[in-house]
Structure formats: C-alpha cells, structure tokens
PDB file of N, CA and C in Angstrom:
ATOM      1  N   MET A   1      87.778 123.560  98.983  1.00  0.00           N
ATOM      2  CA  MET A   1      89.066 123.962  99.487  1.00  0.00           C
ATOM      3  C   MET A   1      89.169 123.636 100.983  1.00  0.00           C
ATOM      4  N   TYR A   2      88.091 123.820 101.719  1.00  0.00           N
ATOM      5  CA  TYR A   2      88.133 123.521 103.148  1.00  0.00           C
ATOM      6  C   TYR A   2      88.432 122.035 103.388  1.00  0.00           C
ATOM      7  N   GLY A   3      87.853 121.173 102.573  1.00  0.00           N
ATOM      8  CA  GLY A   3      88.114 119.739 102.706  1.00  0.00           C
ATOM      9  C   GLY A   3      89.580 119.420 102.520  1.00  0.00           C
ATOM     10  N   ARG A   4      90.221 120.101 101.584  1.00  0.00           N
ATOM     11  CA  ARG A   4      91.663 119.906 101.384  1.00  0.00           C
ATOM     12  C   ARG A   4      92.449 120.473 102.555  1.00  0.00           C
ATOM     13  N   TYR A   5      92.001 121.612 103.081  1.00  0.00           N
ATOM     14  CA  TYR A   5      92.661 122.218 104.243  1.00  0.00           C
ATOM     15  C   TYR A   5      92.633 121.255 105.433  1.00  0.00           C
ATOM     16  N   VAL A   6      91.510 120.635 105.666  1.00  0.00           N
ATOM     17  CA  VAL A   6      91.386 119.689 106.782  1.00  0.00           C
ATOM     18  C   VAL A   6      92.378 118.539 106.623  1.00  0.00           C
ATOM     19  N   LYS A   7      92.675 118.164 105.398  1.00  0.00           N
ATOM     20  CA  LYS A   7      93.619 117.073 105.147  1.00  0.00           C
ATOM     21  C   LYS A   7      95.064 117.450 105.452  1.00  0.00           C
ATOM     22  N   THR A   8      95.306 118.727 105.784  1.00  0.00           N
ATOM     23  CA  THR A   8      96.663 119.129 106.141  1.00  0.00           C
ATOM     24  C   THR A   8      96.989 118.814 107.598  1.00  0.00           C
ATOM     25  N   PHE A   9      96.015 118.346 108.346  1.00  0.00           N
ATOM     26  CA  PHE A   9      96.237 117.966 109.736  1.00  0.00           C
ATOM     27  C   PHE A   9      96.503 116.475 109.797  1.00  0.00           C
ATOM     28  N   SER A  10      97.618 116.113 110.413  1.00  0.00           N
ATOM     29  CA  SER A  10      98.003 114.705 110.491  1.00  0.00           C
ATOM     30  C   SER A  10      97.455 114.061 111.750  1.00  0.00           C
ATOM     31  N   ASN A  11      97.174 112.773 111.655  1.00  0.00           N
ATOM     32  CA  ASN A  11      96.749 112.025 112.836  1.00  0.00           C
ATOM     33  C   ASN A  11      97.926 111.334 113.520  1.00  0.00           C
ATOM     34  N   GLY A  12      99.139 111.633 113.067  1.00  0.00           N
ATOM     35  CA  GLY A  12     100.338 111.057 113.660  1.00  0.00           C
ATOM     36  C   GLY A  12     100.860 109.841 112.918  1.00  0.00           C
ATOM     37  N   ASP A  13     100.053 109.267 112.044  1.00  0.00           N
ATOM     38  CA  ASP A  13     100.478 108.129 111.239  1.00  0.00           C
ATOM     39  C   ASP A  13     101.484 108.615 110.199  1.00  0.00           C
ATOM     40  N   TYR A  14     102.566 107.854 110.016  1.00  0.00           N
ATOM     41  CA  TYR A  14     103.638 108.250 109.112  1.00  0.00           C
ATOM     42  C   TYR A  14     103.122 108.566 107.707  1.00  0.00           C
ATOM     43  N   THR A  15     102.350 107.670 107.133  1.00  0.00           N
ATOM     44  CA  THR A  15     101.839 107.865 105.783  1.00  0.00           C
ATOM     45  C   THR A  15     100.937 109.083 105.722  1.00  0.00           C
ATOM     46  N   HIS A  16     100.097 109.234 106.723  1.00  0.00           N
ATOM     47  CA  HIS A  16      99.183 110.381 106.758  1.00  0.00           C
ATOM     48  C   HIS A  16      99.956 111.681 106.926  1.00  0.00           C
ATOM     49  N   LEU A  17     101.038 111.656 107.677  1.00  0.00           N
ATOM     50  CA  LEU A  17     101.855 112.847 107.880  1.00  0.00           C
ATOM     51  C   LEU A  17     102.387 113.370 106.548  1.00  0.00           C
ATOM     52  N   TRP A  18     102.959 112.484 105.743  1.00  0.00           N
ATOM     53  CA  TRP A  18     103.494 112.918 104.455  1.00  0.00           C
ATOM     54  C   TRP A  18     102.382 113.381 103.523  1.00  0.00           C
ATOM     55  N   ALA A  19     101.256 112.712 103.538  1.00  0.00           N
ATOM     56  CA  ALA A  19     100.125 113.146 102.712  1.00  0.00           C
ATOM     57  C   ALA A  19      99.681 114.550 103.133  1.00  0.00           C
ATOM     58  N   ALA A  20      99.656 114.809 104.445  1.00  0.00           N
ATOM     59  CA  ALA A  20      99.269 116.126 104.964  1.00  0.00           C
ATOM     60  C   ALA A  20     100.252 117.201 104.523  1.00  0.00           C
ATOM     61  N   ILE A  21     101.538 116.888 104.580  1.00  0.00           N
ATOM     62  CA  ILE A  21     102.563 117.857 104.160  1.00  0.00           C
ATOM     63  C   ILE A  21     102.387 118.219 102.690  1.00  0.00           C
ATOM     64  N   PHE A  22     102.235 117.207 101.847  1.00  0.00           N
ATOM     65  CA  PHE A  22     102.116 117.480 100.421  1.00  0.00           C
ATOM     66  C   PHE A  22     100.792 118.154 100.068  1.00  0.00           C
ATOM     67  N   THR A  23      99.743 117.874 100.815  1.00  0.00           N
ATOM     68  CA  THR A  23      98.473 118.586 100.606  1.00  0.00           C
ATOM     69  C   THR A  23      98.635 120.057 100.968  1.00  0.00           C
ATOM     70  N   ALA A  24      99.325 120.330 102.069  1.00  0.00           N
ATOM     71  CA  ALA A  24      99.568 121.714 102.472  1.00  0.00           C
ATOM     72  C   ALA A  24     100.377 122.443 101.404  1.00  0.00           C
ATOM     73  N   CYS A  25     101.365 121.768 100.843  1.00  0.00           N
ATOM     74  CA  CYS A  25     102.168 122.380  99.780  1.00  0.00           C
ATOM     75  C   CYS A  25     101.322 122.683  98.560  1.00  0.00           C
ATOM     76  N   GLU A  26     100.440 121.771  98.195  1.00  0.00           N
ATOM     77  CA  GLU A  26      99.563 121.999  97.047  1.00  0.00           C
ATOM     78  C   GLU A  26      98.656 123.198  97.270  1.00  0.00           C
ATOM     79  N   LEU A  27      98.100 123.296  98.456  1.00  0.00           N
ATOM     80  CA  LEU A  27      97.235 124.447  98.757  1.00  0.00           C
ATOM     81  C   LEU A  27      98.027 125.747  98.713  1.00  0.00           C
ATOM     82  N   PHE A  28      99.211 125.736  99.301  1.00  0.00           N
ATOM     83  CA  PHE A  28     100.054 126.932  99.296  1.00  0.00           C
ATOM     84  C   PHE A  28     100.382 127.325  97.860  1.00  0.00           C
ATOM     85  N   ARG A  29     100.746 126.337  97.043  1.00  0.00           N
ATOM     86  CA  ARG A  29     101.100 126.572  95.640  1.00  0.00           C
ATOM     87  C   ARG A  29      99.921 127.185  94.873  1.00  0.00           C
ATOM     88  N   GLU A  30      98.728 126.789  95.236  1.00  0.00           N
ATOM     89  CA  GLU A  30      97.536 127.286  94.557  1.00  0.00           C
ATOM     90  C   GLU A  30      97.189 128.714  94.976  1.00  0.00           C
ATOM     91  N   ILE A  31      97.351 129.009  96.244  1.00  0.00           N
ATOM     92  CA  ILE A  31      96.898 130.288  96.788  1.00  0.00           C
ATOM     93  C   ILE A  31      97.983 131.364  96.794  1.00  0.00           C
ATOM     94  N   ALA A  32      99.216 130.988  97.014  1.00  0.00           N
ATOM     95  CA  ALA A  32     100.311 131.944  97.203  1.00  0.00           C
ATOM     96  C   ALA A  32     100.519 132.905  96.029  1.00  0.00           C
ATOM     97  N   PRO A  33     100.437 132.461  94.781  1.00  0.00           N
ATOM     98  CA  PRO A  33     100.664 133.441  93.702  1.00  0.00           C
ATOM     99  C   PRO A  33      99.701 134.628  93.747  1.00  0.00           C
ATOM    100  N   ALA A  34      98.435 134.383  94.003  1.00  0.00           N
ATOM    101  CA  ALA A  34      97.452 135.478  94.058  1.00  0.00           C
ATOM    102  C   ALA A  34      97.694 136.372  95.267  1.00  0.00           C
ATOM    103  N   VAL A  35      98.010 135.772  96.399  1.00  0.00           N
ATOM    104  CA  VAL A  35      98.292 136.566  97.600  1.00  0.00           C
ATOM    105  C   VAL A  35      99.547 137.400  97.390  1.00  0.00           C
ATOM    106  N   GLY A  36     100.574 136.770  96.833  1.00  0.00           N
ATOM    107  CA  GLY A  36     101.807 137.501  96.561  1.00  0.00           C
ATOM    108  C   GLY A  36     101.592 138.658  95.618  1.00  0.00           C
ATOM    109  N   GLU A  37     100.833 138.415  94.558  1.00  0.00           N
ATOM    110  CA  GLU A  37     100.544 139.485  93.596  1.00  0.00           C
ATOM    111  C   GLU A  37      99.825 140.638  94.267  1.00  0.00           C
ATOM    112  N   ARG A  38      98.870 140.304  95.091  1.00  0.00           N
ATOM    113  CA  ARG A  38      98.102 141.342  95.798  1.00  0.00           C
ATOM    114  C   ARG A  38      99.001 142.198  96.703  1.00  0.00           C
ATOM    115  N   LEU A  39     100.049 141.561  97.248  1.00  0.00           N
ATOM    116  CA  LEU A  39     100.959 142.267  98.154  1.00  0.00           C
ATOM    117  C   LEU A  39     102.207 142.807  97.447  1.00  0.00           C
ATOM    118  N   GLY A  40     102.251 142.621  96.142  1.00  0.00           N
ATOM    119  CA  GLY A  40     103.366 143.170  95.381  1.00  0.00           C
ATOM    120  C   GLY A  40     104.572 142.245  95.271  1.00  0.00           C
ATOM    121  N   PHE A  41     104.369 140.951  95.454  1.00  0.00           N
ATOM    122  CA  PHE A  41     105.451 139.987  95.355  1.00  0.00           C
ATOM    123  C   PHE A  41     105.193 139.022  94.198  1.00  0.00           C
ATOM    124  N   VAL A  42     106.252 138.409  93.734  1.00  0.00           N
ATOM    125  CA  VAL A  42     106.147 137.401  92.686  1.00  0.00           C
ATOM    126  C   VAL A  42     106.400 136.042  93.323  1.00  0.00           C
ATOM    127  N   TYR A  43     105.552 135.078  93.019  1.00  0.00           N
ATOM    128  CA  TYR A  43     105.722 133.726  93.548  1.00  0.00           C
ATOM    129  C   TYR A  43     106.826 133.036  92.759  1.00  0.00           C
ATOM    130  N   ASP A  44     107.845 132.601  93.460  1.00  0.00           N
ATOM    131  CA  ASP A  44     109.011 131.979  92.835  1.00  0.00           C
ATOM    132  C   ASP A  44     108.745 130.492  92.608  1.00  0.00           C
ATOM    133  N   ARG A  45     108.336 130.151  91.414  1.00  0.00           N
ATOM    134  CA  ARG A  45     107.993 128.757  91.090  1.00  0.00           C
ATOM    135  C   ARG A  45     109.216 127.841  91.136  1.00  0.00           C
ATOM    136  N   GLN A  46     110.394 128.393  90.843  1.00  0.00           N
ATOM    137  CA  GLN A  46     111.604 127.568  90.933  1.00  0.00           C
ATOM    138  C   GLN A  46     111.893 127.202  92.389  1.00  0.00           C
ATOM    139  N   GLU A  47     111.688 128.140  93.284  1.00  0.00           N
ATOM    140  CA  GLU A  47     111.878 127.853  94.711  1.00  0.00           C
ATOM    141  C   GLU A  47     110.865 126.802  95.169  1.00  0.00           C
ATOM    142  N   ASP A  48     109.666 126.880  94.661  1.00  0.00           N
ATOM    143  CA  ASP A  48     108.638 125.887  94.960  1.00  0.00           C
ATOM    144  C   ASP A  48     109.097 124.508  94.490  1.00  0.00           C
ATOM    145  N   ALA A  49     109.606 124.439  93.271  1.00  0.00           N
ATOM    146  CA  ALA A  49     110.084 123.160  92.730  1.00  0.00           C
ATOM    147  C   ALA A  49     111.253 122.623  93.551  1.00  0.00           C
ATOM    148  N   ASN A  50     112.162 123.511  93.958  1.00  0.00           N
ATOM    149  CA  ASN A  50     113.294 123.096  94.788  1.00  0.00           C
ATOM    150  C   ASN A  50     112.825 122.549  96.129  1.00  0.00           C
ATOM    151  N   MET A  51     111.879 123.230  96.751  1.00  0.00           N
ATOM    152  CA  MET A  51     111.359 122.807  98.045  1.00  0.00           C
ATOM    153  C   MET A  51     110.641 121.467  97.928  1.00  0.00           C
ATOM    154  N   THR A  52     109.882 121.289  96.869  1.00  0.00           N
ATOM    155  CA  THR A  52     109.169 120.029  96.657  1.00  0.00           C
ATOM    156  C   THR A  52     110.159 118.893  96.435  1.00  0.00           C
ATOM    157  N   ALA A  53     111.203 119.151  95.658  1.00  0.00           N
ATOM    158  CA  ALA A  53     112.239 118.133  95.450  1.00  0.00           C
ATOM    159  C   ALA A  53     112.903 117.768  96.774  1.00  0.00           C
ATOM    160  N   TYR A  54     113.168 118.766  97.601  1.00  0.00           N
ATOM    161  CA  TYR A  54     113.781 118.512  98.908  1.00  0.00           C
ATOM    162  C   TYR A  54     112.858 117.671  99.791  1.00  0.00           C
ATOM    163  N   LEU A  55     111.584 117.998  99.816  1.00  0.00           N
ATOM    164  CA  LEU A  55     110.640 117.213 100.615  1.00  0.00           C
ATOM    165  C   LEU A  55     110.558 115.773 100.126  1.00  0.00           C
ATOM    166  N   ASN A  56     110.556 115.591  98.819  1.00  0.00           N
ATOM    167  CA  ASN A  56     110.550 114.233  98.269  1.00  0.00           C
ATOM    168  C   ASN A  56     111.818 113.484  98.660  1.00  0.00           C
ATOM    169  N   TRP A  57     112.956 114.179  98.638  1.00  0.00           N
ATOM    170  CA  TRP A  57     114.216 113.563  99.050  1.00  0.00           C
ATOM    171  C   TRP A  57     114.161 113.185 100.532  1.00  0.00           C
ATOM    172  N   MET A  58     113.685 114.118 101.361  1.00  0.00           N
ATOM    173  CA  MET A  58     113.584 113.846 102.808  1.00  0.00           C
ATOM    174  C   MET A  58     112.683 112.637 103.061  1.00  0.00           C
ATOM    175  N   LYS A  59     111.569 112.567 102.377  1.00  0.00           N
ATOM    176  CA  LYS A  59     110.652 111.445 102.537  1.00  0.00           C
ATOM    177  C   LYS A  59     111.330 110.138 102.161  1.00  0.00           C
ATOM    178  N   SER A  60     112.040 110.138 101.045  1.00  0.00           N
ATOM    179  CA  SER A  60     112.696 108.910 100.622  1.00  0.00           C
ATOM    180  C   SER A  60     113.828 108.524 101.577  1.00  0.00           C
ATOM    181  N   GLU A  61     114.545 109.492 102.097  1.00  0.00           N
ATOM    182  CA  GLU A  61     115.603 109.198 103.076  1.00  0.00           C
ATOM    183  C   GLU A  61     115.013 108.637 104.368  1.00  0.00           C
ATOM    184  N   TRP A  62     113.918 109.224 104.806  1.00  0.00           N
ATOM    185  CA  TRP A  62     113.265 108.751 106.029  1.00  0.00           C
ATOM    186  C   TRP A  62     112.760 107.320 105.844  1.00  0.00           C
ATOM    187  N   GLU A  63     112.217 107.046 104.681  1.00  0.00           N
ATOM    188  CA  GLU A  63     111.690 105.706 104.413  1.00  0.00           C
ATOM    189  C   GLU A  63     112.779 104.643 104.439  1.00  0.00           C
ATOM    190  N   LYS A  64     114.009 105.022 104.174  1.00  0.00           N
ATOM    191  CA  LYS A  64     115.121 104.080 104.240  1.00  0.00           C
ATOM    192  C   LYS A  64     115.421 103.648 105.672  1.00  0.00           C
ATOM    193  N   THR A  65     115.010 104.471 106.637  1.00  0.00           N
ATOM    194  CA  THR A  65     115.334 104.179 108.036  1.00  0.00           C
ATOM    195  C   THR A  65     114.255 103.353 108.732  1.00  0.00           C
ATOM    196  N   ILE A  66     113.098 103.202 108.096  1.00  0.00           N
ATOM    197  CA  ILE A  66     112.034 102.455 108.757  1.00  0.00           C
ATOM    198  C   ILE A  66     111.884 101.054 108.207  1.00  0.00           C
TER     199      ILE A  66
END
C-alpha cells in the first residue's frame, strides 16, 4: 500500500500527474468505505463513480488543448 501511496505524488509531468490522481482515487476508494463505516458513515459509490467520470472527462478535455 505504501508503494501505491508514493505513486500519488507527481513529478510535474502531465502523464504522471494524471496517473497520480487516479492512483490516489483508487487508494481512497479502497480505504474510505472502512473508515466511513468506523465513523458511522456510508461510502457513496455512486458519488465515487460520478467523480471518476468527471475526472476522466476533465482529462480528455485537457488533452484536447495540448
């Protein structure tokens, strides 16, 4: 898990930046349900899917400008 956490830091390269963002999302998706349950919250998987779709859209829009 630590190795994946380290991959959430970008070196400033465009491709690496997006990889870091999506790695961070994957880690959050993996850990958040258990943390939420422990604190009395439910992890909203639909909100996760919406956010991921938005990030994919943002990435594709940004790629059109470069």
